[in-house]
Amino acid sequence: MTIPLESRRIIIAGASSLLGTELKSLLEESRFAASDFRLVDEENAAGTLTEAGGEAAVIQPVEEGSFGKAWIIFFAGSPAFTKANLTLAKQSGANVVDLSGELAGQREVCAWLPNFRGKEAAASARLFAIPSASAEIIVRLTIALSALKPPAISAVAFQPVSAAGKSGIEELESQTGQLLSFQPVGKQVFDAQVAYSMLDRFGPSSSQSLSGSLAAIRREVQAFLPPGTKSPATQLLHAPVFYGATVAASAFVNANDVSNIAKLCADFGFSLTDDSATPSNVSSAGEITIQLAPPVADPSASGAFWFWAAADNLRLPASNAVKLAESLL
């Protein structure tokens, strides 16, 4: 017997996070709008008053029975929060969808992307991983170029402060104002000046770790690439922006026709822009597609091409998670 949508309990674990908030918003705009929503999070977020399904809701801490009667559980908080509560979520028998990066590459976890791994891959799975926007860009580009057999691909991802949550956004905002007023900057979150700075690491006392985020992206990329596909060399840098994932990549390919390379990229999910509309963290805001500039040949190195892509770092994975839920109906 098919369970009506309004009777399906949807739990967002990590509901107070930026990603959790975005996911809830998209679910409420989807065919799941009338579902039974439950919001849970870490202790310090418990008690927060919000809304779900058009009604007032309070974010609850995770306790024994928090995941009871769930049809699907989305983990949208930190990897540590996912790890701490995964066993309890699995005991519920619900579908578990991880957007934190914790489950990518683990045994029995289905690495899922729309138009890449669909219903067939999801049919026998109960644990799913949705990649970050940066990882998805790198994965799709690597797969698109694989037909041209590049000897190597390298990618540099640029991380916005929203990856650190609301506190990261507030610190960039306050630092910007302090610098413009010639005041000392506060460094409680990043232990470094993140405003107007490009960095390859944060301060030693920071609660955030670029090296940890880079390890997660590399793990995600490896998990989502088809077996036998060589992983690209990947680096992660801090960008002094609030939102948006951007990636610069290079590859040596045996192709002279840029239009053919562009078509391969379009076939694997990229939305190509023209020369008058360069992708950026601003142009991709609110979009659920990955924007890609036309590939550019490097005249200093024969066969080398550069790629520049941008995506909404919150909306893209949240949209993919909703699409996965729809495929499970």
C-alpha atoms as a PDB file:
ATOM      1  CA  MET A   1       0.000   0.000   0.000  1.00  0.00           C
ATOM      2  CA  THR A   2       1.337   3.431  -0.981  1.00  0.00           C
ATOM      3  CA  ILE A   3       1.721   5.866   1.915  1.00  0.00           C
ATOM      4  CA  PRO A   4       0.153   9.290   1.178  1.00  0.00           C
ATOM      5  CA  LEU A   5       2.663  12.132   0.961  1.00  0.00           C
ATOM      6  CA  GLU A   6       1.064  13.982   3.864  1.00  0.00           C
ATOM      7  CA  SER A   7       1.661  10.938   6.083  1.00  0.00           C
ATOM      8  CA  ARG A   8       5.350  10.631   5.232  1.00  0.00           C
ATOM      9  CA  ARG A   9       7.488  11.936   8.065  1.00  0.00           C
ATOM     10  CA  ILE A  10      10.477  13.954   6.883  1.00  0.00           C
ATOM     11  CA  ILE A  11      13.194  14.711   9.416  1.00  0.00           C
ATOM     12  CA  ILE A  12      15.840  17.355   8.840  1.00  0.00           C
ATOM     13  CA  ALA A  13      18.753  16.720  11.188  1.00  0.00           C
ATOM     14  CA  GLY A  14      20.865  19.847  11.377  1.00  0.00           C
ATOM     15  CA  ALA A  15      17.805  21.982  10.698  1.00  0.00           C
ATOM     16  CA  SER A  16      19.318  25.228  11.996  1.00  0.00           C
ATOM     17  CA  SER A  17      22.253  25.128   9.579  1.00  0.00           C
ATOM     18  CA  LEU A  18      22.258  27.197   6.409  1.00  0.00           C
ATOM     19  CA  LEU A  19      21.993  24.034   4.345  1.00  0.00           C
ATOM     20  CA  GLY A  20      19.202  22.684   6.548  1.00  0.00           C
ATOM     21  CA  THR A  21      17.268  25.929   6.173  1.00  0.00           C
ATOM     22  CA  GLU A  22      17.686  25.862   2.388  1.00  0.00           C
ATOM     23  CA  LEU A  23      16.621  22.221   2.230  1.00  0.00           C
ATOM     24  CA  LYS A  24      13.499  22.897   4.297  1.00  0.00           C
ATOM     25  CA  SER A  25      12.584  25.791   2.013  1.00  0.00           C
ATOM     26  CA  LEU A  26      12.880  23.651  -1.135  1.00  0.00           C
ATOM     27  CA  LEU A  27      10.933  20.770   0.409  1.00  0.00           C
ATOM     28  CA  GLU A  28       8.119  23.170   1.293  1.00  0.00           C
ATOM     29  CA  GLU A  29       8.024  24.321  -2.336  1.00  0.00           C
ATOM     30  CA  SER A  30       7.947  20.744  -3.647  1.00  0.00           C
ATOM     31  CA  ARG A  31       5.397  17.942  -3.737  1.00  0.00           C
ATOM     32  CA  PHE A  32       6.403  17.212  -0.125  1.00  0.00           C
ATOM     33  CA  ALA A  33       4.929  20.478   1.147  1.00  0.00           C
ATOM     34  CA  ALA A  34       2.123  18.711   3.038  1.00  0.00           C
ATOM     35  CA  SER A  35       4.395  16.101   4.639  1.00  0.00           C
ATOM     36  CA  ASP A  36       4.946  15.664   8.375  1.00  0.00           C
ATOM     37  CA  PHE A  37       8.122  17.685   9.052  1.00  0.00           C
ATOM     38  CA  ARG A  38      10.275  17.197  12.143  1.00  0.00           C
ATOM     39  CA  LEU A  39      13.328  19.380  12.851  1.00  0.00           C
ATOM     40  CA  VAL A  40      16.222  18.262  15.057  1.00  0.00           C
ATOM     41  CA  ASP A  41      19.713  19.567  15.700  1.00  0.00           C
ATOM     42  CA  GLU A  42      22.545  19.789  18.194  1.00  0.00           C
ATOM     43  CA  GLU A  43      21.865  20.795  21.794  1.00  0.00           C
ATOM     44  CA  ASN A  44      22.923  24.423  21.305  1.00  0.00           C
ATOM     45  CA  ALA A  45      20.280  24.873  18.575  1.00  0.00           C
ATOM     46  CA  ALA A  46      17.474  23.073  20.405  1.00  0.00           C
ATOM     47  CA  GLY A  47      14.536  25.258  21.329  1.00  0.00           C
ATOM     48  CA  THR A  48      14.899  27.539  18.318  1.00  0.00           C
ATOM     49  CA  LEU A  49      11.485  28.651  17.087  1.00  0.00           C
ATOM     50  CA  THR A  50      11.000  28.356  13.333  1.00  0.00           C
ATOM     51  CA  GLU A  51       8.326  27.077  10.964  1.00  0.00           C
ATOM     52  CA  ALA A  52       7.819  23.974   8.883  1.00  0.00           C
ATOM     53  CA  GLY A  53       5.058  23.234   6.414  1.00  0.00           C
ATOM     54  CA  GLY A  54       3.531  26.642   7.108  1.00  0.00           C
ATOM     55  CA  GLU A  55       3.180  25.991  10.841  1.00  0.00           C
ATOM     56  CA  ALA A  56       5.213  27.020  13.877  1.00  0.00           C
ATOM     57  CA  ALA A  57       7.882  24.479  14.809  1.00  0.00           C
ATOM     58  CA  VAL A  58      10.567  24.149  17.460  1.00  0.00           C
ATOM     59  CA  ILE A  59      13.904  22.539  16.716  1.00  0.00           C
ATOM     60  CA  GLN A  60      14.369  19.580  19.057  1.00  0.00           C
ATOM     61  CA  PRO A  61      17.558  17.888  20.291  1.00  0.00           C
ATOM     62  CA  VAL A  62      18.258  14.361  19.085  1.00  0.00           C
ATOM     63  CA  GLU A  63      17.011  11.834  21.605  1.00  0.00           C
ATOM     64  CA  GLU A  64      15.981   8.188  21.689  1.00  0.00           C
ATOM     65  CA  GLY A  65      12.944   8.002  19.418  1.00  0.00           C
ATOM     66  CA  SER A  66      13.677  11.265  17.552  1.00  0.00           C
ATOM     67  CA  PHE A  67      13.814   9.389  14.253  1.00  0.00           C
ATOM     68  CA  GLY A  68      10.825   7.152  14.918  1.00  0.00           C
ATOM     69  CA  LYS A  69       8.298   6.675  12.100  1.00  0.00           C
ATOM     70  CA  ALA A  70      10.520   8.601   9.681  1.00  0.00           C
ATOM     71  CA  TRP A  71      10.265   7.918   5.969  1.00  0.00           C
ATOM     72  CA  ILE A  72      13.398   9.905   5.134  1.00  0.00           C
ATOM     73  CA  ILE A  73      16.062  11.600   7.260  1.00  0.00           C
ATOM     74  CA  PHE A  74      18.269  14.342   5.851  1.00  0.00           C
ATOM     75  CA  PHE A  75      21.550  15.113   7.620  1.00  0.00           C
ATOM     76  CA  ALA A  76      22.384  18.744   6.830  1.00  0.00           C
ATOM     77  CA  GLY A  77      24.608  19.659   9.770  1.00  0.00           C
ATOM     78  CA  SER A  78      28.275  19.010  10.453  1.00  0.00           C
ATOM     79  CA  PRO A  79      30.012  15.706   9.618  1.00  0.00           C
ATOM     80  CA  ALA A  80      30.526  15.157  13.356  1.00  0.00           C
ATOM     81  CA  PHE A  81      26.775  15.550  13.988  1.00  0.00           C
ATOM     82  CA  THR A  82      26.012  12.999  11.260  1.00  0.00           C
ATOM     83  CA  LYS A  83      28.536  10.533  12.660  1.00  0.00           C
ATOM     84  CA  ALA A  84      27.208  10.883  16.203  1.00  0.00           C
ATOM     85  CA  ASN A  85      23.589  10.209  15.215  1.00  0.00           C
ATOM     86  CA  LEU A  86      23.879   7.831  12.260  1.00  0.00           C
ATOM     87  CA  THR A  87      23.323   4.631  14.249  1.00  0.00           C
ATOM     88  CA  LEU A  88      20.112   5.967  15.754  1.00  0.00           C
ATOM     89  CA  ALA A  89      18.904   7.092  12.330  1.00  0.00           C
ATOM     90  CA  LYS A  90      19.641   3.696  10.762  1.00  0.00           C
ATOM     91  CA  GLN A  91      17.699   1.934  13.507  1.00  0.00           C
ATOM     92  CA  SER A  92      14.558   3.768  12.396  1.00  0.00           C
ATOM     93  CA  GLY A  93      14.585   1.927   9.058  1.00  0.00           C
ATOM     94  CA  ALA A  94      14.182   5.215   7.193  1.00  0.00           C
ATOM     95  CA  ASN A  95      16.002   6.340   4.090  1.00  0.00           C
ATOM     96  CA  VAL A  96      19.030   8.348   5.261  1.00  0.00           C
ATOM     97  CA  VAL A  97      20.386  11.113   3.021  1.00  0.00           C
ATOM     98  CA  ASP A  98      23.682  12.734   4.002  1.00  0.00           C
ATOM     99  CA  LEU A  99      24.594  16.225   2.784  1.00  0.00           C
ATOM    100  CA  SER A 100      27.382  16.736   5.321  1.00  0.00           C
ATOM    101  CA  GLY A 101      30.056  14.740   3.501  1.00  0.00           C
ATOM    102  CA  GLU A 102      30.440  12.205   6.304  1.00  0.00           C
ATOM    103  CA  LEU A 103      29.089   9.147   4.462  1.00  0.00           C
ATOM    104  CA  ALA A 104      30.686   9.640   1.042  1.00  0.00           C
ATOM    105  CA  GLY A 105      32.742   6.610   0.100  1.00  0.00           C
ATOM    106  CA  GLN A 106      31.496   4.423   2.926  1.00  0.00           C
ATOM    107  CA  ARG A 107      30.352   0.872   2.315  1.00  0.00           C
ATOM    108  CA  GLU A 108      26.657   0.417   1.465  1.00  0.00           C
ATOM    109  CA  VAL A 109      26.243   4.151   0.803  1.00  0.00           C
ATOM    110  CA  CYS A 110      24.796   5.063  -2.590  1.00  0.00           C
ATOM    111  CA  ALA A 111      26.590   8.081  -4.079  1.00  0.00           C
ATOM    112  CA  TRP A 112      23.673   9.774  -5.829  1.00  0.00           C
ATOM    113  CA  LEU A 113      23.426  12.554  -8.406  1.00  0.00           C
ATOM    114  CA  PRO A 114      20.489  13.337 -10.727  1.00  0.00           C
ATOM    115  CA  ASN A 115      21.020  12.236 -14.327  1.00  0.00           C
ATOM    116  CA  PHE A 116      24.042  10.261 -13.177  1.00  0.00           C
ATOM    117  CA  ARG A 117      22.858   7.637 -10.713  1.00  0.00           C
ATOM    118  CA  GLY A 118      19.108   7.351 -10.688  1.00  0.00           C
ATOM    119  CA  LYS A 119      16.391   4.945  -9.592  1.00  0.00           C
ATOM    120  CA  GLU A 120      18.366   1.823 -10.450  1.00  0.00           C
ATOM    121  CA  ALA A 121      21.180   2.749  -8.049  1.00  0.00           C
ATOM    122  CA  ALA A 122      18.758   3.907  -5.375  1.00  0.00           C
ATOM    123  CA  ALA A 123      16.370   0.945  -5.540  1.00  0.00           C
ATOM    124  CA  SER A 124      18.261  -1.283  -3.100  1.00  0.00           C
ATOM    125  CA  ALA A 125      19.889   1.437  -0.972  1.00  0.00           C
ATOM    126  CA  ARG A 126      18.867   3.000   2.318  1.00  0.00           C
ATOM    127  CA  LEU A 127      21.921   5.201   2.840  1.00  0.00           C
ATOM    128  CA  PHE A 128      22.661   7.976   0.361  1.00  0.00           C
ATOM    129  CA  ALA A 129      25.327  10.641  -0.044  1.00  0.00           C
ATOM    130  CA  ILE A 130      24.778  13.945  -1.854  1.00  0.00           C
ATOM    131  CA  PRO A 131      28.014  15.761  -2.786  1.00  0.00           C
ATOM    132  CA  SER A 132      28.920  19.335  -1.982  1.00  0.00           C
ATOM    133  CA  ALA A 133      28.641  21.805  -4.849  1.00  0.00           C
ATOM    134  CA  SER A 134      32.425  21.976  -5.278  1.00  0.00           C
ATOM    135  CA  ALA A 135      32.739  18.198  -5.419  1.00  0.00           C
ATOM    136  CA  GLU A 136      29.886  17.930  -7.913  1.00  0.00           C
ATOM    137  CA  ILE A 137      31.545  20.456 -10.220  1.00  0.00           C
ATOM    138  CA  ILE A 138      34.812  18.528 -10.146  1.00  0.00           C
ATOM    139  CA  VAL A 139      33.101  15.149 -10.608  1.00  0.00           C
ATOM    140  CA  ARG A 140      30.980  16.224 -13.560  1.00  0.00           C
ATOM    141  CA  LEU A 141      33.927  17.922 -15.268  1.00  0.00           C
ATOM    142  CA  THR A 142      36.166  14.885 -14.781  1.00  0.00           C
ATOM    143  CA  ILE A 143      33.536  12.551 -16.231  1.00  0.00           C
ATOM    144  CA  ALA A 144      32.787  14.910 -19.123  1.00  0.00           C
ATOM    145  CA  LEU A 145      36.448  15.078 -20.116  1.00  0.00           C
ATOM    146  CA  SER A 146      37.131  11.366 -19.637  1.00  0.00           C
ATOM    147  CA  ALA A 147      36.132  10.655 -23.245  1.00  0.00           C
ATOM    148  CA  LEU A 148      39.131  12.772 -24.321  1.00  0.00           C
ATOM    149  CA  LYS A 149      41.484  10.746 -22.102  1.00  0.00           C
ATOM    150  CA  PRO A 150      43.349  13.623 -20.435  1.00  0.00           C
ATOM    151  CA  PRO A 151      46.588  12.479 -18.762  1.00  0.00           C
ATOM    152  CA  ALA A 152      45.729  14.634 -15.751  1.00  0.00           C
ATOM    153  CA  ILE A 153      43.159  17.111 -14.484  1.00  0.00           C
ATOM    154  CA  SER A 154      43.709  19.631 -11.718  1.00  0.00           C
ATOM    155  CA  ALA A 155      41.125  21.728  -9.915  1.00  0.00           C
ATOM    156  CA  VAL A 156      41.178  24.549  -7.394  1.00  0.00           C
ATOM    157  CA  ALA A 157      37.957  25.089  -5.439  1.00  0.00           C
ATOM    158  CA  PHE A 158      37.225  28.352  -3.649  1.00  0.00           C
ATOM    159  CA  GLN A 159      35.287  28.113  -0.399  1.00  0.00           C
ATOM    160  CA  PRO A 160      32.926  30.882   0.804  1.00  0.00           C
ATOM    161  CA  VAL A 161      32.537  31.718   4.492  1.00  0.00           C
ATOM    162  CA  SER A 162      29.008  30.280   4.499  1.00  0.00           C
ATOM    163  CA  ALA A 163      30.698  26.870   4.658  1.00  0.00           C
ATOM    164  CA  ALA A 164      31.294  27.777   8.315  1.00  0.00           C
ATOM    165  CA  GLY A 165      27.623  28.573   8.863  1.00  0.00           C
ATOM    166  CA  LYS A 166      25.993  31.725  10.175  1.00  0.00           C
ATOM    167  CA  SER A 167      28.951  32.518  12.411  1.00  0.00           C
ATOM    168  CA  GLY A 168      31.260  32.558   9.397  1.00  0.00           C
ATOM    169  CA  ILE A 169      29.010  34.979   7.553  1.00  0.00           C
ATOM    170  CA  GLU A 170      28.780  37.253  10.601  1.00  0.00           C
ATOM    171  CA  GLU A 171      32.569  37.272  11.029  1.00  0.00           C
ATOM    172  CA  LEU A 172      33.227  38.245   7.400  1.00  0.00           C
ATOM    173  CA  GLU A 173      30.600  40.971   7.672  1.00  0.00           C
ATOM    174  CA  SER A 174      32.037  42.359  10.908  1.00  0.00           C
ATOM    175  CA  GLN A 175      35.646  42.154   9.689  1.00  0.00           C
ATOM    176  CA  THR A 176      34.750  44.050   6.536  1.00  0.00           C
ATOM    177  CA  GLY A 177      33.177  46.864   8.564  1.00  0.00           C
ATOM    178  CA  GLN A 178      36.074  46.912  11.024  1.00  0.00           C
ATOM    179  CA  LEU A 179      38.702  47.148   8.284  1.00  0.00           C
ATOM    180  CA  LEU A 180      36.841  49.954   6.537  1.00  0.00           C
ATOM    181  CA  SER A 181      36.721  51.773   9.885  1.00  0.00           C
ATOM    182  CA  PHE A 182      40.437  51.110  10.535  1.00  0.00           C
ATOM    183  CA  GLN A 183      39.644  48.992  13.592  1.00  0.00           C
ATOM    184  CA  PRO A 184      41.233  45.709  14.719  1.00  0.00           C
ATOM    185  CA  VAL A 185      39.343  42.731  13.306  1.00  0.00           C
ATOM    186  CA  GLY A 186      37.670  40.042  15.374  1.00  0.00           C
ATOM    187  CA  LYS A 187      38.898  36.515  14.645  1.00  0.00           C
ATOM    188  CA  GLN A 188      36.733  34.295  16.855  1.00  0.00           C
ATOM    189  CA  VAL A 189      35.678  31.889  14.076  1.00  0.00           C
ATOM    190  CA  PHE A 190      38.577  31.747  11.636  1.00  0.00           C
ATOM    191  CA  ASP A 191      41.477  33.032  13.775  1.00  0.00           C
ATOM    192  CA  ALA A 192      42.558  34.926  10.666  1.00  0.00           C
ATOM    193  CA  GLN A 193      41.604  37.927   8.588  1.00  0.00           C
ATOM    194  CA  VAL A 194      39.185  36.436   6.061  1.00  0.00           C
ATOM    195  CA  ALA A 195      37.918  39.770   4.714  1.00  0.00           C
ATOM    196  CA  TYR A 196      39.830  40.889   1.602  1.00  0.00           C
ATOM    197  CA  SER A 197      42.117  37.853   1.970  1.00  0.00           C
ATOM    198  CA  MET A 198      42.750  34.726  -0.065  1.00  0.00           C
ATOM    199  CA  LEU A 199      44.010  31.957   2.223  1.00  0.00           C
ATOM    200  CA  ASP A 200      45.122  28.337   2.044  1.00  0.00           C
ATOM    201  CA  ARG A 201      44.555  27.829   5.784  1.00  0.00           C
ATOM    202  CA  PHE A 202      42.929  29.481   8.781  1.00  0.00           C
ATOM    203  CA  GLY A 203      44.566  30.335  12.093  1.00  0.00           C
ATOM    204  CA  PRO A 204      45.691  27.592  14.489  1.00  0.00           C
ATOM    205  CA  SER A 205      42.874  28.367  16.952  1.00  0.00           C
ATOM    206  CA  SER A 206      40.128  28.316  14.329  1.00  0.00           C
ATOM    207  CA  SER A 207      37.215  25.917  14.695  1.00  0.00           C
ATOM    208  CA  GLN A 208      37.254  25.655  10.901  1.00  0.00           C
ATOM    209  CA  SER A 209      39.796  23.698   8.875  1.00  0.00           C
ATOM    210  CA  LEU A 210      40.423  24.191   5.179  1.00  0.00           C
ATOM    211  CA  SER A 211      42.515  21.032   5.137  1.00  0.00           C
ATOM    212  CA  GLY A 212      39.582  19.118   6.642  1.00  0.00           C
ATOM    213  CA  SER A 213      37.196  20.564   4.058  1.00  0.00           C
ATOM    214  CA  LEU A 214      39.655  19.682   1.300  1.00  0.00           C
ATOM    215  CA  ALA A 215      39.894  16.093   2.549  1.00  0.00           C
ATOM    216  CA  ALA A 216      36.082  15.869   2.473  1.00  0.00           C
ATOM    217  CA  ILE A 217      35.931  17.166  -1.119  1.00  0.00           C
ATOM    218  CA  ARG A 218      38.597  14.697  -2.227  1.00  0.00           C
ATOM    219  CA  ARG A 219      36.689  11.877  -0.523  1.00  0.00           C
ATOM    220  CA  GLU A 220      33.444  12.926  -2.203  1.00  0.00           C
ATOM    221  CA  VAL A 221      35.064  13.165  -5.628  1.00  0.00           C
ATOM    222  CA  GLN A 222      36.569   9.712  -5.309  1.00  0.00           C
ATOM    223  CA  ALA A 223      33.245   8.248  -4.171  1.00  0.00           C
ATOM    224  CA  PHE A 224      31.247   9.731  -7.048  1.00  0.00           C
ATOM    225  CA  LEU A 225      33.633   9.001  -9.910  1.00  0.00           C
ATOM    226  CA  PRO A 226      33.001   5.790 -11.874  1.00  0.00           C
ATOM    227  CA  PRO A 227      35.323   2.892 -10.971  1.00  0.00           C
ATOM    228  CA  GLY A 228      38.677   3.167 -12.682  1.00  0.00           C
ATOM    229  CA  THR A 229      38.438   6.926 -13.227  1.00  0.00           C
ATOM    230  CA  LYS A 230      41.533   8.758 -12.056  1.00  0.00           C
ATOM    231  CA  SER A 231      40.832  11.421  -9.454  1.00  0.00           C
ATOM    232  CA  PRO A 232      41.969  14.939 -10.332  1.00  0.00           C
ATOM    233  CA  ALA A 233      44.529  16.801  -8.278  1.00  0.00           C
ATOM    234  CA  THR A 234      42.472  19.081  -6.035  1.00  0.00           C
ATOM    235  CA  GLN A 235      43.188  22.122  -3.891  1.00  0.00           C
ATOM    236  CA  LEU A 236      40.894  24.299  -1.752  1.00  0.00           C
ATOM    237  CA  LEU A 237      41.338  27.989  -0.976  1.00  0.00           C
ATOM    238  CA  HIS A 238      39.347  30.448   1.098  1.00  0.00           C
ATOM    239  CA  ALA A 239      37.604  33.160  -0.922  1.00  0.00           C
ATOM    240  CA  PRO A 240      36.421  36.323   0.889  1.00  0.00           C
ATOM    241  CA  VAL A 241      32.804  35.959  -0.281  1.00  0.00           C
ATOM    242  CA  PHE A 242      29.617  35.073   1.572  1.00  0.00           C
ATOM    243  CA  TYR A 243      28.096  32.439  -0.726  1.00  0.00           C
ATOM    244  CA  GLY A 244      28.811  30.410  -3.851  1.00  0.00           C
ATOM    245  CA  ALA A 245      31.138  27.577  -4.848  1.00  0.00           C
ATOM    246  CA  THR A 246      33.567  28.366  -7.655  1.00  0.00           C
ATOM    247  CA  VAL A 247      36.130  26.081  -9.267  1.00  0.00           C
ATOM    248  CA  ALA A 248      39.005  26.705 -11.675  1.00  0.00           C
ATOM    249  CA  ALA A 249      40.262  23.586 -13.451  1.00  0.00           C
ATOM    250  CA  SER A 250      42.763  22.712 -16.125  1.00  0.00           C
ATOM    251  CA  ALA A 251      43.250  19.670 -18.329  1.00  0.00           C
ATOM    252  CA  PHE A 252      45.392  18.583 -21.254  1.00  0.00           C
ATOM    253  CA  VAL A 253      43.110  17.088 -23.881  1.00  0.00           C
ATOM    254  CA  ASN A 254      43.589  15.894 -27.413  1.00  0.00           C
ATOM    255  CA  ALA A 255      41.049  18.224 -28.984  1.00  0.00           C
ATOM    256  CA  ASN A 256      41.270  21.335 -31.100  1.00  0.00           C
ATOM    257  CA  ASP A 257      37.578  22.174 -31.322  1.00  0.00           C
ATOM    258  CA  VAL A 258      36.431  24.064 -28.243  1.00  0.00           C
ATOM    259  CA  SER A 259      32.785  23.533 -29.200  1.00  0.00           C
ATOM    260  CA  ASN A 260      33.200  19.741 -28.917  1.00  0.00           C
ATOM    261  CA  ILE A 261      34.663  20.092 -25.428  1.00  0.00           C
ATOM    262  CA  ALA A 262      31.829  22.420 -24.476  1.00  0.00           C
ATOM    263  CA  LYS A 263      29.253  19.919 -25.768  1.00  0.00           C
ATOM    264  CA  LEU A 264      30.763  17.143 -23.645  1.00  0.00           C
ATOM    265  CA  CYS A 265      30.441  19.379 -20.597  1.00  0.00           C
ATOM    266  CA  ALA A 266      26.838  20.297 -21.454  1.00  0.00           C
ATOM    267  CA  ASP A 267      25.982  16.605 -21.829  1.00  0.00           C
ATOM    268  CA  PHE A 268      27.139  16.025 -18.241  1.00  0.00           C
ATOM    269  CA  GLY A 269      25.022  18.672 -16.585  1.00  0.00           C
ATOM    270  CA  PHE A 270      26.745  22.015 -17.073  1.00  0.00           C
ATOM    271  CA  SER A 271      24.884  25.146 -18.109  1.00  0.00           C
ATOM    272  CA  LEU A 272      27.237  26.894 -20.510  1.00  0.00           C
ATOM    273  CA  THR A 273      27.359  30.680 -20.510  1.00  0.00           C
ATOM    274  CA  ASP A 274      28.575  32.906 -23.313  1.00  0.00           C
ATOM    275  CA  ASP A 275      31.547  35.254 -23.251  1.00  0.00           C
ATOM    276  CA  SER A 276      29.373  38.145 -22.069  1.00  0.00           C
ATOM    277  CA  ALA A 277      28.116  36.366 -18.929  1.00  0.00           C
ATOM    278  CA  THR A 278      30.978  35.007 -16.870  1.00  0.00           C
ATOM    279  CA  PRO A 279      29.891  32.570 -14.121  1.00  0.00           C
ATOM    280  CA  SER A 280      30.413  33.817 -10.579  1.00  0.00           C
ATOM    281  CA  ASN A 281      29.227  33.276  -7.046  1.00  0.00           C
ATOM    282  CA  VAL A 282      26.772  36.128  -7.685  1.00  0.00           C
ATOM    283  CA  SER A 283      25.371  34.892 -11.016  1.00  0.00           C
ATOM    284  CA  SER A 284      24.861  31.376  -9.623  1.00  0.00           C
ATOM    285  CA  ALA A 285      23.034  32.496  -6.464  1.00  0.00           C
ATOM    286  CA  GLY A 286      19.591  30.933  -6.258  1.00  0.00           C
ATOM    287  CA  GLU A 287      20.211  28.642  -9.240  1.00  0.00           C
ATOM    288  CA  ILE A 288      20.107  24.840  -9.227  1.00  0.00           C
ATOM    289  CA  THR A 289      22.428  24.431 -12.218  1.00  0.00           C
ATOM    290  CA  ILE A 290      26.205  24.568 -12.525  1.00  0.00           C
ATOM    291  CA  GLN A 291      27.322  27.479 -14.675  1.00  0.00           C
ATOM    292  CA  LEU A 292      30.375  26.906 -16.864  1.00  0.00           C
ATOM    293  CA  ALA A 293      32.268  29.438 -18.946  1.00  0.00           C
ATOM    294  CA  PRO A 294      33.377  28.393 -22.449  1.00  0.00           C
ATOM    295  CA  PRO A 295      36.612  26.359 -22.208  1.00  0.00           C
ATOM    296  CA  VAL A 296      39.675  28.472 -22.961  1.00  0.00           C
ATOM    297  CA  ALA A 297      42.798  27.132 -24.643  1.00  0.00           C
ATOM    298  CA  ASP A 298      46.094  28.056 -22.993  1.00  0.00           C
ATOM    299  CA  PRO A 299      48.406  29.357 -25.746  1.00  0.00           C
ATOM    300  CA  SER A 300      51.471  28.749 -23.594  1.00  0.00           C
ATOM    301  CA  ALA A 301      50.898  24.988 -23.347  1.00  0.00           C
ATOM    302  CA  SER A 302      49.751  22.893 -26.285  1.00  0.00           C
ATOM    303  CA  GLY A 303      46.558  20.963 -25.560  1.00  0.00           C
ATOM    304  CA  ALA A 304      45.902  22.723 -22.256  1.00  0.00           C
ATOM    305  CA  PHE A 305      42.430  24.096 -21.541  1.00  0.00           C
ATOM    306  CA  TRP A 306      41.058  26.089 -18.627  1.00  0.00           C
ATOM    307  CA  PHE A 307      37.577  25.727 -17.142  1.00  0.00           C
ATOM    308  CA  TRP A 308      35.722  28.098 -14.806  1.00  0.00           C
ATOM    309  CA  ALA A 309      32.501  27.042 -13.060  1.00  0.00           C
ATOM    310  CA  ALA A 310      30.191  28.361 -10.360  1.00  0.00           C
ATOM    311  CA  ALA A 311      27.225  27.034  -8.384  1.00  0.00           C
ATOM    312  CA  ASP A 312      25.098  27.935  -5.381  1.00  0.00           C
ATOM    313  CA  ASN A 313      26.811  26.040  -2.560  1.00  0.00           C
ATOM    314  CA  LEU A 314      23.546  25.644  -0.616  1.00  0.00           C
ATOM    315  CA  ARG A 315      20.769  25.399  -3.198  1.00  0.00           C
ATOM    316  CA  LEU A 316      22.501  22.900  -5.520  1.00  0.00           C
ATOM    317  CA  PRO A 317      22.999  20.070  -2.965  1.00  0.00           C
ATOM    318  CA  ALA A 318      19.629  20.828  -1.344  1.00  0.00           C
ATOM    319  CA  SER A 319      17.909  20.584  -4.736  1.00  0.00           C
ATOM    320  CA  ASN A 320      19.685  17.302  -5.454  1.00  0.00           C
ATOM    321  CA  ALA A 321      18.466  15.939  -2.110  1.00  0.00           C
ATOM    322  CA  VAL A 322      14.860  16.838  -2.971  1.00  0.00           C
ATOM    323  CA  LYS A 323      15.221  15.155  -6.369  1.00  0.00           C
ATOM    324  CA  LEU A 324      16.522  12.032  -4.651  1.00  0.00           C
ATOM    325  CA  ALA A 325      13.522  12.010  -2.323  1.00  0.00           C
ATOM    326  CA  GLU A 326      11.206  12.315  -5.335  1.00  0.00           C
ATOM    327  CA  SER A 327      12.936   9.360  -6.990  1.00  0.00           C
ATOM    328  CA  LEU A 328      12.256   7.234  -3.893  1.00  0.00           C
ATOM    329  CA  LEU A 329       8.476   7.686  -4.069  1.00  0.00           C
END
